[in-house]
Amino acid sequence: MPLKMFDDPRPYIVAVEELGIHVTFIPNIYLDRLTYRPVRNRIQLQPYFGTFAITLASIEPQTDVRMIKSLIDYVAAGIGFIILMPVFLVIAAAIKISSRGPVFYKQERSGLNGRIFTFYKFRTMLADADEKRMELEGLNESDGPVFKIKNDPRIIPFIGHFMRRTSLDELPQLINILRGEMSLVGPRPPIPAEVAQYKPWQRRRLSMKPGLTCIWQTSPDRNDISFNDWMKLYLEYIDNWSLMLDFKLLLKTVKVVLFGNGR
């Protein structure tokens, strides 16, 4: 019966506790109305300012395992940055020779819980690409708030296409990982203007630190799926995250880079 029907439920709790019986409380709120299905909210009882509170969490805390994930991010990014320095220099020289403008493309992106940070990539487009985007809005091939064109005329000939096919343009994000803004594996960081158009369920993408690669990046048909399916792949990663899953996705990413399956 509801707890509110007892003047003081503590004697009953003590009585069954002495018998070694588990006590289960159904709170006087409708939890099913607070959850969004199929989001896998986990119900937890946690200490809270000297008492206990019910916590609804869509992500398993796994504090120790997440610390290991962060440690792997910093160590791998640091080693990778040092080893790949010659590649950085070659790509930088190729960009400067092929097009006027900076080597790096910097843009504001939304990270964990929507925090804004400066995102780094090797520049694969003409220096005035952002200004020319308005002229190309009618050619957008995406069905969501993102902007994608298969044969984007703003891409730098040869070197720009090569970096996009091999995903080498993403290497500077090792800097973002070392700064604690990104992870090796996680949902890709969207631009704030895109986030502003998200439906509530899509915002859960921001509940985990963004990554260099994820499920969508390693999908063979990634350029042909709808925006909603794209988002569901990110949420699938969040719901099923583990160190083993990260390892598998990193191996798949190496395959994508070697076979030039990017765009």
Foldseek 3Di string as FASTA:
>chain_A
DAPVVDPDCVVVVVVVVVVVDDDDHDDPDDVVVVDDPPQDWDWDWDDDPNRIDIDTDSFDPPVVQVVVQLVCLQVVLVVCCVVCVVVLVVLQVVDVVQADDHQWDWAWFQWAVGDTDIAIFGDFFHPCVVVCVVVCVVQAPAPALDGDHPPDPRGGPPSSLLCQLLVVRLSVCSVVSNVVQAGAEAAATHHVVRVVRDDVVLSCSNNDGHHSYYDLLLDLCSVPDHPVVVSVRRSVCRNDPDVVRVVVRVVSSNVSNVVRSGD
